[in-house]
Amino acid sequence: MEKTEYRWQIGKDHGTVMAADQKSASIEAIGQWLESLPNEPTDPNGTFQIPAVVIEPKVNRVIPLITDPLGKHWDQPDTSKFIFRGDTVLLTQVGFDQLSEYSMSTPSGVYIGKAWKSSVGHDWKLLWYVPHNTKGKCLIDNRVIVITDKKKWWKCGRCGNTGLQEERPPNIMCGGCTNPDWKLMDVQKPYIVGAKAYKEPNGEI
């Protein structure tokens, strides 16, 4: 029977196993976890409870599932639906909007799988906590966000201000001049949020 590589996470520990199905992967994962423990996992009463066990095909997820209890109080979109391509991640506008923004700081409450967005220069970046080699610590991974919805970048030909709209922006949106001359910007598909590079006059995303 063909085996699939599964990723497992038990508490703060994680690893991979080769198994024919998810049930077999769970059994293998628990065995690996027990063997990795430095001491007998018992409490004063002589019993112990296995933390939450997460098993999934390894190829399906870049951002780990949140298993920390603090994650119950953190809202973020389903990261398993994010599409990763090299140094970028493809999001819908809805998924982008659902991410909390921390452009001047990092969110408090550090645990694996927690994700947010941050404005960096002309780009937006997706950031998330991943496991560190030192138990109990996390690293931050990131990708440049690419929005896949079909919207248009508009640029005022008089002052250079830009706007993201489905239709021509109203004059009040310019802010740089009283009589804006809105033109469509020609950018690569899909656009990168905050991109300033353009070629006039046309370009629908």
Protein backbone atom coordinates (compact mmCIF):
# COMPACT_ATOMS: atom_id res chain seq x y z
CA MET A 1 0.00 0.00 0.00
CA GLU A 2 1.32 3.44 -0.94
CA LYS A 3 2.37 5.60 1.99
CA THR A 4 2.04 9.36 2.40
CA GLU A 5 4.19 11.71 4.44
CA TYR A 6 2.19 13.15 7.33
CA ARG A 7 3.10 16.03 9.59
CA TRP A 8 2.27 15.65 13.27
CA GLN A 9 2.14 18.12 16.14
CA ILE A 10 1.57 17.10 19.74
CA GLY A 11 1.63 20.00 22.13
CA LYS A 12 4.72 22.01 21.16
CA ASP A 13 6.51 19.00 19.61
CA HIS A 14 6.30 18.14 15.92
CA GLY A 15 7.70 15.77 13.31
CA THR A 16 6.79 13.68 10.27
CA VAL A 17 5.88 10.04 9.64
CA MET A 18 5.22 7.87 6.59
CA ALA A 19 1.89 6.06 6.82
CA ALA A 20 -0.85 4.55 4.67
CA ASP A 21 -3.63 6.60 6.27
CA GLN A 22 -4.30 9.18 8.97
CA LYS A 23 -5.10 6.60 11.66
CA SER A 24 -1.81 4.79 11.12
CA ALA A 25 -0.02 8.15 11.07
CA SER A 26 -1.56 9.03 14.44
CA ILE A 27 -0.31 5.81 16.01
CA GLU A 28 3.19 6.34 14.58
CA ALA A 29 3.22 9.98 15.69
CA ILE A 30 2.27 9.19 19.28
CA GLY A 31 4.98 6.54 19.35
CA GLN A 32 7.58 9.03 18.11
CA TRP A 33 6.43 11.59 20.64
CA LEU A 34 6.63 9.19 23.58
CA GLU A 35 10.13 8.10 22.56
CA SER A 36 11.28 11.73 22.37
CA LEU A 37 10.28 12.53 25.95
CA PRO A 38 13.29 12.77 28.32
CA ASN A 39 11.36 11.39 31.31
CA GLU A 40 8.37 9.19 32.02
CA PRO A 41 5.36 11.46 31.33
CA THR A 42 3.48 10.98 34.59
CA ASP A 43 1.95 13.37 37.09
CA PRO A 44 1.94 12.92 40.92
CA ASN A 45 -1.04 10.58 40.58
CA GLY A 46 0.85 8.29 38.24
CA THR A 47 -1.17 9.22 35.15
CA PHE A 48 -0.63 11.53 32.20
CA GLN A 49 -2.70 13.08 29.45
CA ILE A 50 -1.51 13.35 25.85
CA PRO A 51 -1.85 16.93 24.51
CA ALA A 52 -3.92 17.65 21.41
CA VAL A 53 -2.72 15.56 18.45
CA VAL A 54 -2.73 17.16 14.99
CA ILE A 55 -2.13 14.93 11.95
CA GLU A 56 -2.24 16.16 8.36
CA PRO A 57 -0.57 15.46 5.01
CA LYS A 58 2.66 17.43 5.06
CA VAL A 59 2.17 18.95 1.62
CA ASN A 60 -1.08 20.67 2.57
CA ARG A 61 0.23 23.28 4.99
CA VAL A 62 3.09 25.74 5.25
CA ILE A 63 1.80 27.57 8.32
CA PRO A 64 1.39 25.12 11.23
CA LEU A 65 -1.98 24.69 12.89
CA ILE A 66 -2.46 26.61 16.12
CA THR A 67 -2.68 24.16 19.02
CA ASP A 68 -1.74 26.50 21.87
CA PRO A 69 -4.77 27.28 24.11
CA LEU A 70 -4.08 31.00 23.64
CA GLY A 71 -5.01 30.55 19.98
CA LYS A 72 -8.68 30.34 20.96
CA HIS A 73 -8.63 34.11 21.42
CA TRP A 74 -6.87 34.91 18.12
CA ASP A 75 -8.79 35.45 14.88
CA GLN A 76 -7.15 34.65 11.56
CA PRO A 77 -8.32 33.19 8.22
CA ASP A 78 -7.88 29.53 7.29
CA THR A 79 -4.19 29.54 6.38
CA SER A 80 -4.45 26.12 4.71
CA LYS A 81 -6.14 27.91 1.80
CA PHE A 82 -3.17 30.23 1.23
CA ILE A 83 -1.20 29.41 -1.92
CA PHE A 84 2.58 29.67 -1.51
CA ARG A 85 4.75 30.29 -4.55
CA GLY A 86 8.41 30.90 -3.85
CA ASP A 87 8.80 34.11 -1.87
CA THR A 88 5.13 35.08 -2.27
CA VAL A 89 1.77 33.95 -0.93
CA LEU A 90 -1.48 34.34 -2.88
CA LEU A 91 -4.46 35.66 -0.90
CA THR A 92 -7.93 36.83 -1.73
CA GLN A 93 -8.90 40.32 -0.61
CA VAL A 94 -11.15 38.74 2.03
CA GLY A 95 -8.28 36.66 3.41
CA PHE A 96 -6.03 39.71 3.44
CA ASP A 97 -8.63 41.77 5.30
CA GLN A 98 -9.08 39.04 7.92
CA LEU A 99 -5.41 39.15 8.91
CA SER A 100 -4.60 41.39 11.89
CA GLU A 101 -2.12 44.16 11.08
CA TYR A 102 1.07 44.69 13.07
CA SER A 103 3.24 47.05 11.00
CA MET A 104 5.01 48.77 13.88
CA SER A 105 5.35 45.83 16.27
CA THR A 106 4.76 42.08 16.64
CA PRO A 107 1.69 40.62 18.31
CA SER A 108 1.92 39.56 21.93
CA GLY A 109 1.23 35.94 22.75
CA VAL A 110 3.90 33.95 20.91
CA TYR A 111 2.85 30.50 19.71
CA ILE A 112 3.30 28.35 16.63
CA GLY A 113 0.95 29.04 13.71
CA LYS A 114 -0.07 32.57 14.69
CA ALA A 115 -0.18 34.73 11.55
CA TRP A 116 -0.54 38.43 10.81
CA LYS A 117 0.27 41.04 8.13
CA SER A 118 2.74 43.89 8.13
CA SER A 119 3.37 46.82 5.78
CA VAL A 120 7.04 46.78 4.69
CA GLY A 121 8.06 49.49 2.24
CA HIS A 122 5.78 49.22 -0.79
CA ASP A 123 4.72 45.66 0.05
CA TRP A 124 2.54 43.86 2.53
CA LYS A 125 4.01 40.76 4.11
CA LEU A 126 2.44 37.72 5.73
CA LEU A 127 4.31 36.72 8.89
CA TRP A 128 3.80 33.75 11.19
CA TYR A 129 5.47 31.96 14.09
CA VAL A 130 7.27 28.69 13.38
CA PRO A 131 9.08 26.30 15.75
CA HIS A 132 12.57 27.15 16.98
CA ASN A 133 15.28 24.58 17.64
CA THR A 134 15.12 25.63 21.28
CA LYS A 135 11.98 24.25 22.86
CA GLY A 136 9.55 26.94 23.94
CA LYS A 137 10.82 29.54 21.45
CA CYS A 138 9.57 30.57 18.00
CA LEU A 139 10.99 32.06 14.82
CA ILE A 140 9.13 34.32 12.39
CA ASP A 141 8.75 33.27 8.76
CA ASN A 142 7.34 35.58 6.06
CA ARG A 143 6.24 35.92 2.43
CA VAL A 144 5.26 38.90 0.25
CA ILE A 145 1.47 39.04 -0.09
CA VAL A 146 -0.05 38.91 -3.58
CA ILE A 147 -3.77 39.63 -3.90
CA THR A 148 -5.55 37.59 -6.57
CA ASP A 149 -8.87 39.47 -6.76
CA LYS A 150 -9.55 41.36 -9.99
CA LYS A 151 -9.24 45.01 -9.01
CA LYS A 152 -7.47 47.95 -10.64
CA TRP A 153 -4.72 50.29 -9.56
CA TRP A 154 -5.44 53.91 -10.49
CA LYS A 155 -2.89 56.73 -10.58
CA CYS A 156 -3.54 60.46 -10.61
CA GLY A 157 -1.65 61.91 -13.58
CA ARG A 158 -1.39 65.30 -11.88
CA CYS A 159 0.03 64.51 -8.43
CA GLY A 160 0.99 60.81 -8.58
CA ASN A 161 -1.33 59.53 -5.84
CA THR A 162 -2.61 55.97 -6.30
CA GLY A 163 -5.83 54.17 -5.40
CA LEU A 164 -7.15 50.61 -5.58
CA GLN A 165 -10.73 50.45 -6.89
CA GLU A 166 -12.88 48.38 -9.20
CA GLU A 167 -14.01 51.53 -11.00
CA ARG A 168 -12.53 55.00 -11.48
CA PRO A 169 -12.00 56.53 -7.99
CA PRO A 170 -14.05 59.57 -7.04
CA ASN A 171 -12.20 62.89 -7.08
CA ILE A 172 -12.36 63.15 -3.30
CA MET A 173 -10.06 60.13 -3.02
CA CYS A 174 -7.03 61.88 -4.50
CA GLY A 175 -6.03 64.15 -1.64
CA GLY A 176 -3.10 65.55 -3.61
CA CYS A 177 -4.95 67.87 -5.98
CA THR A 178 -8.42 69.32 -6.54
CA ASN A 179 -8.81 68.13 -10.14
CA PRO A 180 -7.32 64.60 -10.34
CA ASP A 181 -6.65 62.94 -13.67
CA TRP A 182 -7.12 59.24 -12.84
CA LYS A 183 -5.50 56.73 -15.22
CA LEU A 184 -5.28 52.95 -15.03
CA MET A 185 -1.90 51.59 -14.00
CA ASP A 186 -0.42 48.68 -15.94
CA VAL A 187 1.00 46.23 -13.43
CA GLN A 188 1.79 42.53 -13.58
CA LYS A 189 -0.95 40.06 -12.71
CA PRO A 190 -1.69 39.43 -9.91
CA TYR A 191 -0.76 42.75 -8.35
CA ILE A 192 1.36 43.06 -5.24
CA VAL A 193 -0.36 45.14 -2.59
CA GLY A 194 1.32 48.51 -2.34
CA ALA A 195 3.21 48.14 -5.64
CA LYS A 196 4.21 51.48 -7.13
CA ALA A 197 5.70 50.34 -10.45
CA TYR A 198 3.39 51.03 -13.37
CA LYS A 199 3.09 51.68 -17.09
CA GLU A 200 0.48 54.07 -18.34
CA PRO A 201 -2.19 54.24 -19.54
CA ASN A 202 -4.01 50.87 -19.28
CA GLY A 203 -3.80 47.75 -17.20
CA GLU A 204 -6.60 45.73 -15.67
CA ILE A 205 -5.66 43.16 -13.09
